Structure formats: C-alpha cells, structure tokens
Amino acid sequence: MSGDQLVYSPAGIKEQIQGILHDEIWFERMFDRQAMQPLRLTYDNLKEAPGETIASIASFLGVKAHTPEQRTTRASPVTHDDAAQWEARFLNEEADFLKQALSQRPQL
C-alpha cells in the first residue's frame, strides 16, 4: 500500500456495498433483458474447489477442461490485522443498513 494507513470507515464500507448492490441489480436486469443464463462463480467456490470450478467453466463453454496440477500451497486471503475486528464492528453498528441492503439484492 506504499505507506498508506488503513483506517476503519463505515461510510467507505457502505459506499462499497451500495456500489456492489447497484452493479448486481444492473447485471441481473441485463441478463433478464437478454434472456441470458450466466455461469455464476464465487470466490469461495474457486478457492475451495478449483478443479471442479474450472471443470464447470469448461463445461459451460463446451470445451475440454485440463486438470490443474495438485498444488501443495494454498492461497491466503489478503487481509489486514484489524479486518476481523472491523468486520464485527460494522456488522454490529450497521445491522439495519445491512438488512436493508440484503433485502434489495436480486434473488438468484
């Protein structure tokens, strides 16, 4: 981060959540208008089952999947020492905001 100090910012977190929500709604409307059935991927699925996730992508595209080599190392999430504390604080202090945001998410 080139020396930048991370600080807890509930306003910044809310702004990011609202941006993600806006994008989710936009994409779901576009998928509906185009009668598209997208392949839905999640970071967690890719992290926990990379081979199966790659196979599902290949199947969706109609190509043969190449089995990835077994890796002895695991990817670690990028985190900050205070991340868990900040997450708990935000979940506690902004529960109403999160409840409202979740109610606006598209049903998948």
Protein backbone atom coordinates (compact mmCIF):
# COMPACT_ATOMS: atom_id res chain seq x y z
CA MET A 1 0.00 0.00 0.00
CA SER A 2 3.05 2.26 -0.22
CA GLY A 3 2.82 3.53 3.35
CA ASP A 4 -0.88 4.36 3.39
CA GLN A 5 -2.50 3.81 6.78
CA LEU A 6 -5.73 1.81 6.76
CA VAL A 7 -8.49 3.26 8.89
CA TYR A 8 -11.95 1.98 9.78
CA SER A 9 -14.51 3.83 7.68
CA PRO A 10 -18.16 2.78 7.95
CA ALA A 11 -19.06 5.40 5.34
CA GLY A 12 -16.50 3.93 2.95
CA ILE A 13 -17.76 0.40 3.58
CA LYS A 14 -21.35 1.49 2.96
CA GLU A 15 -20.31 3.19 -0.28
CA GLN A 16 -18.65 0.00 -1.50
CA ILE A 17 -21.65 -2.15 -0.53
CA GLN A 18 -24.01 0.24 -2.32
CA GLY A 19 -21.81 0.12 -5.42
CA ILE A 20 -21.80 -3.68 -5.43
CA LEU A 21 -25.58 -3.74 -4.92
CA HIS A 22 -26.07 -1.31 -7.80
CA ASP A 23 -23.91 -3.47 -10.08
CA GLU A 24 -25.70 -6.69 -9.08
CA ILE A 25 -29.08 -5.15 -9.88
CA TRP A 26 -27.81 -3.77 -13.20
CA PHE A 27 -26.35 -7.11 -14.28
CA GLU A 28 -29.44 -9.10 -13.28
CA ARG A 29 -31.67 -6.74 -15.26
CA MET A 30 -29.36 -7.02 -18.26
CA PHE A 31 -29.37 -10.83 -18.01
CA ASP A 32 -33.19 -10.78 -17.90
CA ARG A 33 -33.48 -8.41 -20.89
CA GLN A 34 -31.09 -10.55 -22.93
CA ALA A 35 -32.65 -13.83 -21.72
CA MET A 36 -29.17 -14.90 -20.60
CA GLN A 37 -28.33 -17.64 -18.13
CA PRO A 38 -24.86 -16.69 -16.87
CA LEU A 39 -22.48 -19.08 -15.23
CA ARG A 40 -22.32 -17.98 -11.62
CA LEU A 41 -18.93 -18.22 -9.96
CA THR A 42 -17.90 -17.30 -6.46
CA TYR A 43 -14.52 -16.67 -4.96
CA ASP A 44 -15.30 -19.21 -2.25
CA ASN A 45 -16.08 -21.95 -4.79
CA LEU A 46 -12.90 -21.24 -6.71
CA LYS A 47 -10.84 -21.20 -3.52
CA GLU A 48 -12.34 -24.37 -2.02
CA ALA A 49 -12.72 -26.45 -5.20
CA PRO A 50 -10.59 -25.01 -8.00
CA GLY A 51 -10.61 -28.16 -10.13
CA GLU A 52 -14.39 -28.53 -10.01
CA THR A 53 -14.83 -24.81 -10.68
CA ILE A 54 -12.55 -24.95 -13.71
CA ALA A 55 -14.42 -28.03 -14.95
CA SER A 56 -17.75 -26.21 -14.63
CA ILE A 57 -16.36 -23.27 -16.62
CA ALA A 58 -15.08 -25.58 -19.34
CA SER A 59 -18.39 -27.45 -19.46
CA PHE A 60 -20.29 -24.17 -19.72
CA LEU A 61 -18.06 -23.11 -22.62
CA GLY A 62 -18.24 -26.52 -24.26
CA VAL A 63 -14.51 -27.16 -24.14
CA LYS A 64 -12.40 -29.86 -22.52
CA ALA A 65 -11.04 -28.99 -19.10
CA HIS A 66 -7.43 -29.66 -18.32
CA THR A 67 -6.99 -30.86 -14.77
CA PRO A 68 -4.90 -28.37 -12.83
CA GLU A 69 -1.82 -29.72 -11.14
CA GLN A 70 -2.22 -30.52 -7.48
CA ARG A 71 -0.75 -27.67 -5.52
CA THR A 72 0.97 -28.02 -2.19
CA THR A 73 0.41 -24.40 -1.25
CA ARG A 74 -2.90 -22.70 -0.64
CA ALA A 75 -3.88 -19.16 -1.48
CA SER A 76 -4.36 -16.99 1.55
CA PRO A 77 -6.86 -14.17 1.62
CA VAL A 78 -5.44 -10.68 1.59
CA THR A 79 -6.23 -9.27 4.98
CA HIS A 80 -5.27 -6.66 7.49
CA ASP A 81 -4.60 -7.24 11.19
CA ASP A 82 -7.73 -5.29 12.14
CA ALA A 83 -10.04 -6.79 9.48
CA ALA A 84 -11.91 -9.21 11.75
CA GLN A 85 -12.42 -6.54 14.40
CA TRP A 86 -13.64 -4.04 11.81
CA GLU A 87 -15.98 -6.61 10.27
CA ALA A 88 -17.53 -7.41 13.67
CA ARG A 89 -17.85 -3.71 14.49
CA PHE A 90 -19.52 -2.91 11.16
CA LEU A 91 -21.91 -5.87 11.45
CA ASN A 92 -22.88 -4.69 14.93
CA GLU A 93 -23.10 -0.95 14.26
CA GLU A 94 -24.65 -1.12 10.79
CA ALA A 95 -27.04 -4.07 11.14
CA ASP A 96 -30.02 -2.04 9.87
CA PHE A 97 -28.10 -0.84 6.81
CA LEU A 98 -27.02 -4.39 6.00
CA LYS A 99 -30.53 -5.75 6.45
CA GLN A 100 -31.88 -3.14 4.04
CA ALA A 101 -29.08 -3.76 1.51
CA LEU A 102 -29.62 -7.53 1.61
CA SER A 103 -33.35 -7.07 1.06
CA GLN A 104 -32.57 -5.18 -2.17
CA ARG A 105 -30.28 -7.86 -3.61
CA PRO A 106 -31.61 -9.69 -6.66
CA GLN A 107 -32.91 -13.18 -6.00
CA LEU A 108 -30.67 -15.64 -7.84
